[in-house]
PDB file of N, CA and C in Angstrom:
ATOM      1  N   UNK A   1     -66.336 194.273-149.544  1.00  0.00           N
ATOM      2  CA  UNK A   1     -67.182 195.326-150.070  1.00  0.00           C
ATOM      3  C   UNK A   1     -66.292 196.474-150.558  1.00  0.00           C
ATOM      4  N   UNK A   2     -66.543 196.955-151.765  1.00  0.00           N
ATOM      5  CA  UNK A   2     -65.757 198.089-152.274  1.00  0.00           C
ATOM      6  C   UNK A   2     -65.989 199.347-151.433  1.00  0.00           C
ATOM      7  N   UNK A   3     -64.937 200.143-151.300  1.00  0.00           N
ATOM      8  CA  UNK A   3     -65.022 201.371-150.512  1.00  0.00           C
ATOM      9  C   UNK A   3     -66.132 202.281-151.016  1.00  0.00           C
ATOM     10  N   UNK A   4     -66.380 202.287-152.307  1.00  0.00           N
ATOM     11  CA  UNK A   4     -67.403 203.169-152.873  1.00  0.00           C
ATOM     12  C   UNK A   4     -68.814 202.822-152.390  1.00  0.00           C
ATOM     13  N   UNK A   5     -69.012 201.616-151.882  1.00  0.00           N
ATOM     14  CA  UNK A   5     -70.339 201.209-151.401  1.00  0.00           C
ATOM     15  C   UNK A   5     -70.539 201.475-149.917  1.00  0.00           C
ATOM     16  N   UNK A   6     -69.477 201.843-149.221  1.00  0.00           N
ATOM     17  CA  UNK A   6     -69.608 202.115-147.789  1.00  0.00           C
ATOM     18  C   UNK A   6     -70.424 203.375-147.567  1.00  0.00           C
ATOM     19  N   UNK A   7     -71.349 203.325-146.618  1.00  0.00           N
ATOM     20  CA  UNK A   7     -72.159 204.494-146.279  1.00  0.00           C
ATOM     21  C   UNK A   7     -71.877 204.959-144.854  1.00  0.00           C
ATOM     22  N   UNK A   8     -71.727 203.980-143.955  1.00  0.00           N
ATOM     23  CA  UNK A   8     -71.455 204.295-142.548  1.00  0.00           C
ATOM     24  C   UNK A   8     -70.398 203.337-142.025  1.00  0.00           C
ATOM     25  N   UNK A   9     -69.486 203.910-141.216  1.00  0.00           N
ATOM     26  CA  UNK A   9     -68.412 203.097-140.647  1.00  0.00           C
ATOM     27  C   UNK A   9     -68.252 203.469-139.181  1.00  0.00           C
ATOM     28  N   UNK A  10     -68.127 202.478-138.339  1.00  0.00           N
ATOM     29  CA  UNK A  10     -67.818 202.677-136.932  1.00  0.00           C
ATOM     30  C   UNK A  10     -66.366 202.253-136.731  1.00  0.00           C
ATOM     31  N   UNK A  11     -65.535 203.205-136.331  1.00  0.00           N
ATOM     32  CA  UNK A  11     -64.110 202.953-136.150  1.00  0.00           C
ATOM     33  C   UNK A  11     -63.865 202.639-134.680  1.00  0.00           C
ATOM     34  N   UNK A  12     -63.258 201.495-134.410  1.00  0.00           N
ATOM     35  CA  UNK A  12     -62.929 201.101-133.041  1.00  0.00           C
ATOM     36  C   UNK A  12     -61.535 201.615-132.705  1.00  0.00           C
ATOM     37  N   UNK A  13     -61.432 202.280-131.562  1.00  0.00           N
ATOM     38  CA  UNK A  13     -60.153 202.843-131.133  1.00  0.00           C
ATOM     39  C   UNK A  13     -59.804 202.276-129.770  1.00  0.00           C
ATOM     40  N   UNK A  14     -58.549 201.879-129.631  1.00  0.00           N
ATOM     41  CA  UNK A  14     -58.118 201.347-128.342  1.00  0.00           C
ATOM     42  C   UNK A  14     -57.804 202.485-127.379  1.00  0.00           C
ATOM     43  N   UNK A  15     -57.768 202.173-126.132  1.00  0.00           N
ATOM     44  CA  UNK A  15     -57.339 203.116-125.103  1.00  0.00           C
ATOM     45  C   UNK A  15     -55.819 203.008-125.032  1.00  0.00           C
ATOM     46  N   UNK A  16     -55.148 204.129-125.241  1.00  0.00           N
ATOM     47  CA  UNK A  16     -53.695 204.087-125.238  1.00  0.00           C
ATOM     48  C   UNK A  16     -53.170 203.943-123.814  1.00  0.00           C
ATOM     49  N   UNK A  17     -51.916 203.573-123.708  1.00  0.00           N
ATOM     50  CA  UNK A  17     -51.299 203.429-122.381  1.00  0.00           C
ATOM     51  C   UNK A  17     -51.277 204.775-121.648  1.00  0.00           C
ATOM     52  N   UNK A  18     -51.088 205.873-122.397  1.00  0.00           N
ATOM     53  CA  UNK A  18     -51.110 207.225-121.822  1.00  0.00           C
ATOM     54  C   UNK A  18     -52.491 207.509-121.204  1.00  0.00           C
ATOM     55  N   UNK A  19     -53.561 207.186-121.940  1.00  0.00           N
ATOM     56  CA  UNK A  19     -54.918 207.406-121.443  1.00  0.00           C
ATOM     57  C   UNK A  19     -55.200 206.526-120.230  1.00  0.00           C
ATOM     58  N   UNK A  20     -54.725 205.283-120.276  1.00  0.00           N
ATOM     59  CA  UNK A  20     -54.904 204.373-119.149  1.00  0.00           C
ATOM     60  C   UNK A  20     -54.201 204.918-117.907  1.00  0.00           C
ATOM     61  N   UNK A  21     -52.959 205.370-118.070  1.00  0.00           N
ATOM     62  CA  UNK A  21     -52.193 205.901-116.942  1.00  0.00           C
ATOM     63  C   UNK A  21     -52.826 207.176-116.407  1.00  0.00           C
ATOM     64  N   UNK A  22     -53.333 208.014-117.289  1.00  0.00           N
ATOM     65  CA  UNK A  22     -53.987 209.249-116.871  1.00  0.00           C
ATOM     66  C   UNK A  22     -55.196 208.949-115.993  1.00  0.00           C
ATOM     67  N   UNK A  23     -55.996 207.970-116.396  1.00  0.00           N
ATOM     68  CA  UNK A  23     -57.164 207.580-115.595  1.00  0.00           C
ATOM     69  C   UNK A  23     -56.734 206.931-114.285  1.00  0.00           C
ATOM     70  N   UNK A  24     -55.715 206.102-114.349  1.00  0.00           N
ATOM     71  CA  UNK A  24     -55.262 205.385-113.146  1.00  0.00           C
ATOM     72  C   UNK A  24     -54.703 206.329-112.086  1.00  0.00           C
ATOM     73  N   UNK A  25     -53.879 207.289-112.519  1.00  0.00           N
ATOM     74  CA  UNK A  25     -53.234 208.186-111.564  1.00  0.00           C
ATOM     75  C   UNK A  25     -54.019 209.475-111.333  1.00  0.00           C
ATOM     76  N   UNK A  26     -55.055 209.709-112.126  1.00  0.00           N
ATOM     77  CA  UNK A  26     -55.915 210.872-111.931  1.00  0.00           C
ATOM     78  C   UNK A  26     -55.261 212.200-112.273  1.00  0.00           C
ATOM     79  N   UNK A  27     -54.267 212.177-113.124  1.00  0.00           N
ATOM     80  CA  UNK A  27     -53.591 213.407-113.551  1.00  0.00           C
ATOM     81  C   UNK A  27     -53.327 213.327-115.051  1.00  0.00           C
ATOM     82  N   UNK A  28     -52.963 214.442-115.638  1.00  0.00           N
ATOM     83  CA  UNK A  28     -52.630 214.464-117.059  1.00  0.00           C
ATOM     84  C   UNK A  28     -51.490 215.422-117.304  1.00  0.00           C
ATOM     85  N   UNK A  29     -51.143 215.587-118.570  1.00  0.00           N
ATOM     86  CA  UNK A  29     -50.130 216.554-118.970  1.00  0.00           C
ATOM     87  C   UNK A  29     -48.793 216.363-118.290  1.00  0.00           C
ATOM     88  N   UNK A  30     -48.242 217.491-117.824  1.00  0.00           N
ATOM     89  CA  UNK A  30     -46.915 217.468-117.197  1.00  0.00           C
ATOM     90  C   UNK A  30     -46.899 216.646-115.903  1.00  0.00           C
ATOM     91  N   UNK A  31     -48.013 216.659-115.177  1.00  0.00           N
ATOM     92  CA  UNK A  31     -48.072 215.876-113.928  1.00  0.00           C
ATOM     93  C   UNK A  31     -47.969 214.387-114.227  1.00  0.00           C
ATOM     94  N   UNK A  32     -48.683 213.953-115.254  1.00  0.00           N
ATOM     95  CA  UNK A  32     -48.627 212.533-115.609  1.00  0.00           C
ATOM     96  C   UNK A  32     -47.228 212.174-116.094  1.00  0.00           C
ATOM     97  N   UNK A  33     -46.611 213.054-116.869  1.00  0.00           N
ATOM     98  CA  UNK A  33     -45.244 212.806-117.334  1.00  0.00           C
ATOM     99  C   UNK A  33     -44.311 212.609-116.147  1.00  0.00           C
ATOM    100  N   UNK A  34     -44.435 213.456-115.143  1.00  0.00           N
ATOM    101  CA  UNK A  34     -43.577 213.352-113.957  1.00  0.00           C
ATOM    102  C   UNK A  34     -43.818 212.042-113.214  1.00  0.00           C
ATOM    103  N   UNK A  35     -45.082 211.646-113.083  1.00  0.00           N
ATOM    104  CA  UNK A  35     -45.414 210.394-112.394  1.00  0.00           C
ATOM    105  C   UNK A  35     -44.815 209.206-113.138  1.00  0.00           C
ATOM    106  N   UNK A  36     -45.016 209.167-114.447  1.00  0.00           N
ATOM    107  CA  UNK A  36     -44.507 208.039-115.239  1.00  0.00           C
ATOM    108  C   UNK A  36     -42.984 207.950-115.169  1.00  0.00           C
ATOM    109  N   UNK A  37     -42.335 209.088-115.305  1.00  0.00           N
ATOM    110  CA  UNK A  37     -40.875 209.103-115.237  1.00  0.00           C
ATOM    111  C   UNK A  37     -40.375 208.663-113.863  1.00  0.00           C
ATOM    112  N   UNK A  38     -41.056 209.112-112.800  1.00  0.00           N
ATOM    113  CA  UNK A  38     -40.621 208.755-111.448  1.00  0.00           C
ATOM    114  C   UNK A  38     -40.794 207.265-111.159  1.00  0.00           C
ATOM    115  N   UNK A  39     -41.728 206.628-111.850  1.00  0.00           N
ATOM    116  CA  UNK A  39     -41.975 205.200-111.644  1.00  0.00           C
ATOM    117  C   UNK A  39     -41.196 204.334-112.636  1.00  0.00           C
ATOM    118  N   UNK A  40     -40.366 204.973-113.462  1.00  0.00           N
ATOM    119  CA  UNK A  40     -39.517 204.226-114.381  1.00  0.00           C
ATOM    120  C   UNK A  40     -40.184 203.776-115.667  1.00  0.00           C
ATOM    121  N   UNK A  41     -41.351 204.303-115.982  1.00  0.00           N
ATOM    122  CA  UNK A  41     -42.021 203.941-117.230  1.00  0.00           C
ATOM    123  C   UNK A  41     -41.296 204.604-118.403  1.00  0.00           C
ATOM    124  N   UNK A  42     -41.337 203.991-119.579  1.00  0.00           N
ATOM    125  CA  UNK A  42     -40.680 204.578-120.757  1.00  0.00           C
ATOM    126  C   UNK A  42     -41.543 205.717-121.327  1.00  0.00           C
ATOM    127  N   UNK A  43     -41.489 206.859-120.666  1.00  0.00           N
ATOM    128  CA  UNK A  43     -42.359 207.987-120.986  1.00  0.00           C
ATOM    129  C   UNK A  43     -42.323 208.358-122.472  1.00  0.00           C
ATOM    130  N   UNK A  44     -41.142 208.490-123.040  1.00  0.00           N
ATOM    131  CA  UNK A  44     -41.042 208.919-124.444  1.00  0.00           C
ATOM    132  C   UNK A  44     -41.738 207.944-125.389  1.00  0.00           C
ATOM    133  N   UNK A  45     -41.601 206.660-125.132  1.00  0.00           N
ATOM    134  CA  UNK A  45     -42.281 205.660-125.970  1.00  0.00           C
ATOM    135  C   UNK A  45     -43.785 205.723-125.785  1.00  0.00           C
ATOM    136  N   UNK A  46     -44.236 205.922-124.547  1.00  0.00           N
ATOM    137  CA  UNK A  46     -45.670 205.966-124.263  1.00  0.00           C
ATOM    138  C   UNK A  46     -46.324 207.161-124.951  1.00  0.00           C
ATOM    139  N   UNK A  47     -45.733 208.344-124.822  1.00  0.00           N
ATOM    140  CA  UNK A  47     -46.333 209.529-125.428  1.00  0.00           C
ATOM    141  C   UNK A  47     -46.236 209.465-126.949  1.00  0.00           C
ATOM    142  N   UNK A  48     -45.153 208.915-127.472  1.00  0.00           N
ATOM    143  CA  UNK A  48     -45.006 208.780-128.919  1.00  0.00           C
ATOM    144  C   UNK A  48     -46.066 207.830-129.492  1.00  0.00           C
ATOM    145  N   UNK A  49     -46.279 206.703-128.839  1.00  0.00           N
ATOM    146  CA  UNK A  49     -47.285 205.734-129.289  1.00  0.00           C
ATOM    147  C   UNK A  49     -48.683 206.348-129.216  1.00  0.00           C
ATOM    148  N   UNK A  50     -48.952 207.119-128.169  1.00  0.00           N
ATOM    149  CA  UNK A  50     -50.244 207.794-128.003  1.00  0.00           C
ATOM    150  C   UNK A  50     -50.480 208.761-129.169  1.00  0.00           C
ATOM    151  N   UNK A  51     -49.486 209.577-129.468  1.00  0.00           N
ATOM    152  CA  UNK A  51     -49.613 210.548-130.556  1.00  0.00           C
ATOM    153  C   UNK A  51     -49.754 209.857-131.907  1.00  0.00           C
ATOM    154  N   UNK A  52     -48.974 208.800-132.138  1.00  0.00           N
ATOM    155  CA  UNK A  52     -49.068 208.047-133.398  1.00  0.00           C
ATOM    156  C   UNK A  52     -50.442 207.428-133.573  1.00  0.00           C
ATOM    157  N   UNK A  53     -50.984 206.882-132.493  1.00  0.00           N
ATOM    158  CA  UNK A  53     -52.309 206.261-132.537  1.00  0.00           C
ATOM    159  C   UNK A  53     -53.363 207.285-132.941  1.00  0.00           C
ATOM    160  N   UNK A  54     -53.337 208.437-132.292  1.00  0.00           N
ATOM    161  CA  UNK A  54     -54.355 209.446-132.580  1.00  0.00           C
ATOM    162  C   UNK A  54     -54.156 210.099-133.945  1.00  0.00           C
ATOM    163  N   UNK A  55     -52.924 210.234-134.393  1.00  0.00           N
ATOM    164  CA  UNK A  55     -52.678 210.735-135.749  1.00  0.00           C
ATOM    165  C   UNK A  55     -53.260 209.779-136.795  1.00  0.00           C
ATOM    166  N   UNK A  56     -53.029 208.491-136.608  1.00  0.00           N
ATOM    167  CA  UNK A  56     -53.554 207.489-137.538  1.00  0.00           C
ATOM    168  C   UNK A  56     -55.081 207.472-137.518  1.00  0.00           C
ATOM    169  N   UNK A  57     -55.654 207.543-136.339  1.00  0.00           N
ATOM    170  CA  UNK A  57     -57.111 207.564-136.205  1.00  0.00           C
ATOM    171  C   UNK A  57     -57.693 208.771-136.945  1.00  0.00           C
ATOM    172  N   UNK A  58     -57.093 209.933-136.772  1.00  0.00           N
ATOM    173  CA  UNK A  58     -57.554 211.143-137.452  1.00  0.00           C
ATOM    174  C   UNK A  58     -57.464 210.999-138.968  1.00  0.00           C
ATOM    175  N   UNK A  59     -56.367 210.431-139.470  1.00  0.00           N
ATOM    176  CA  UNK A  59     -56.195 210.251-140.912  1.00  0.00           C
ATOM    177  C   UNK A  59     -57.256 209.317-141.489  1.00  0.00           C
ATOM    178  N   UNK A  60     -57.543 208.247-140.772  1.00  0.00           N
ATOM    179  CA  UNK A  60     -58.549 207.284-141.231  1.00  0.00           C
ATOM    180  C   UNK A  60     -59.919 207.940-141.299  1.00  0.00           C
ATOM    181  N   UNK A  61     -60.295 208.626-140.241  1.00  0.00           N
ATOM    182  CA  UNK A  61     -61.618 209.260-140.190  1.00  0.00           C
ATOM    183  C   UNK A  61     -61.735 210.342-141.268  1.00  0.00           C
ATOM    184  N   UNK A  62     -60.699 211.173-141.425  1.00  0.00           N
ATOM    185  CA  UNK A  62     -60.749 212.231-142.455  1.00  0.00           C
ATOM    186  C   UNK A  62     -60.878 211.633-143.854  1.00  0.00           C
ATOM    187  N   UNK A  63     -60.137 210.564-144.122  1.00  0.00           N
ATOM    188  CA  UNK A  63     -60.198 209.927-145.445  1.00  0.00           C
ATOM    189  C   UNK A  63     -61.595 209.384-145.725  1.00  0.00           C
ATOM    190  N   UNK A  64     -62.192 208.758-144.734  1.00  0.00           N
ATOM    191  CA  UNK A  64     -63.546 208.231-144.917  1.00  0.00           C
ATOM    192  C   UNK A  64     -64.555 209.362-145.124  1.00  0.00           C
ATOM    193  N   UNK A  65     -64.451 210.399-144.339  1.00  0.00           N
ATOM    194  CA  UNK A  65     -65.398 211.519-144.446  1.00  0.00           C
ATOM    195  C   UNK A  65     -65.260 212.252-145.774  1.00  0.00           C
ATOM    196  N   UNK A  66     -64.041 212.352-146.300  1.00  0.00           N
ATOM    197  CA  UNK A  66     -63.849 212.977-147.621  1.00  0.00           C
ATOM    198  C   UNK A  66     -64.607 212.213-148.706  1.00  0.00           C
ATOM    199  N   UNK A  67     -64.786 210.932-148.482  1.00  0.00           N
ATOM    200  CA  UNK A  67     -65.515 210.105-149.447  1.00  0.00           C
ATOM    201  C   UNK A  67     -67.012 210.055-149.141  1.00  0.00           C
ATOM    202  N   UNK A  68     -67.451 210.862-148.189  1.00  0.00           N
ATOM    203  CA  UNK A  68     -68.876 210.941-147.876  1.00  0.00           C
ATOM    204  C   UNK A  68     -69.375 209.857-146.946  1.00  0.00           C
ATOM    205  N   UNK A  69     -68.473 209.146-146.303  1.00  0.00           N
ATOM    206  CA  UNK A  69     -68.867 208.077-145.388  1.00  0.00           C
ATOM    207  C   UNK A  69     -69.156 208.674-144.016  1.00  0.00           C
ATOM    208  N   UNK A  70     -70.322 208.378-143.474  1.00  0.00           N
ATOM    209  CA  UNK A  70     -70.661 208.808-142.121  1.00  0.00           C
ATOM    210  C   UNK A  70     -69.828 207.969-141.159  1.00  0.00           C
ATOM    211  N   UNK A  71     -69.090 208.643-140.301  1.00  0.00           N
ATOM    212  CA  UNK A  71     -68.098 207.947-139.476  1.00  0.00           C
ATOM    213  C   UNK A  71     -68.322 208.235-137.995  1.00  0.00           C
ATOM    214  N   UNK A  72     -68.270 207.195-137.193  1.00  0.00           N
ATOM    215  CA  UNK A  72     -68.317 207.317-135.753  1.00  0.00           C
ATOM    216  C   UNK A  72     -67.106 206.619-135.147  1.00  0.00           C
ATOM    217  N   UNK A  73     -66.756 207.022-133.940  1.00  0.00           N
ATOM    218  CA  UNK A  73     -65.619 206.409-133.236  1.00  0.00           C
ATOM    219  C   UNK A  73     -66.107 205.865-131.907  1.00  0.00           C
ATOM    220  N   UNK A  74     -65.722 204.650-131.606  1.00  0.00           N
ATOM    221  CA  UNK A  74     -66.048 204.044-130.318  1.00  0.00           C
ATOM    222  C   UNK A  74     -64.754 203.578-129.678  1.00  0.00           C
ATOM    223  N   UNK A  75     -64.673 203.744-128.380  1.00  0.00           N
ATOM    224  CA  UNK A  75     -63.474 203.313-127.661  1.00  0.00           C
ATOM    225  C   UNK A  75     -63.751 201.989-127.011  1.00  0.00           C
TER     226      UNK A  75
END
């Protein structure tokens, strides 16, 4: 289907490893960073992937909305 015919789009977003760890350990921000580092997780890769994922998601949604497409996000 051509993009010009799209009216509504539901964007599926995965739960990032950062979000999973935050829920699992019950902390966020600097506390979560400390927990991940203390357990030997690759903190820099995890936070970078989380930020990249959300940046891409934002770009996709903004592009669709600029074209008048009603957009929703589901996790």
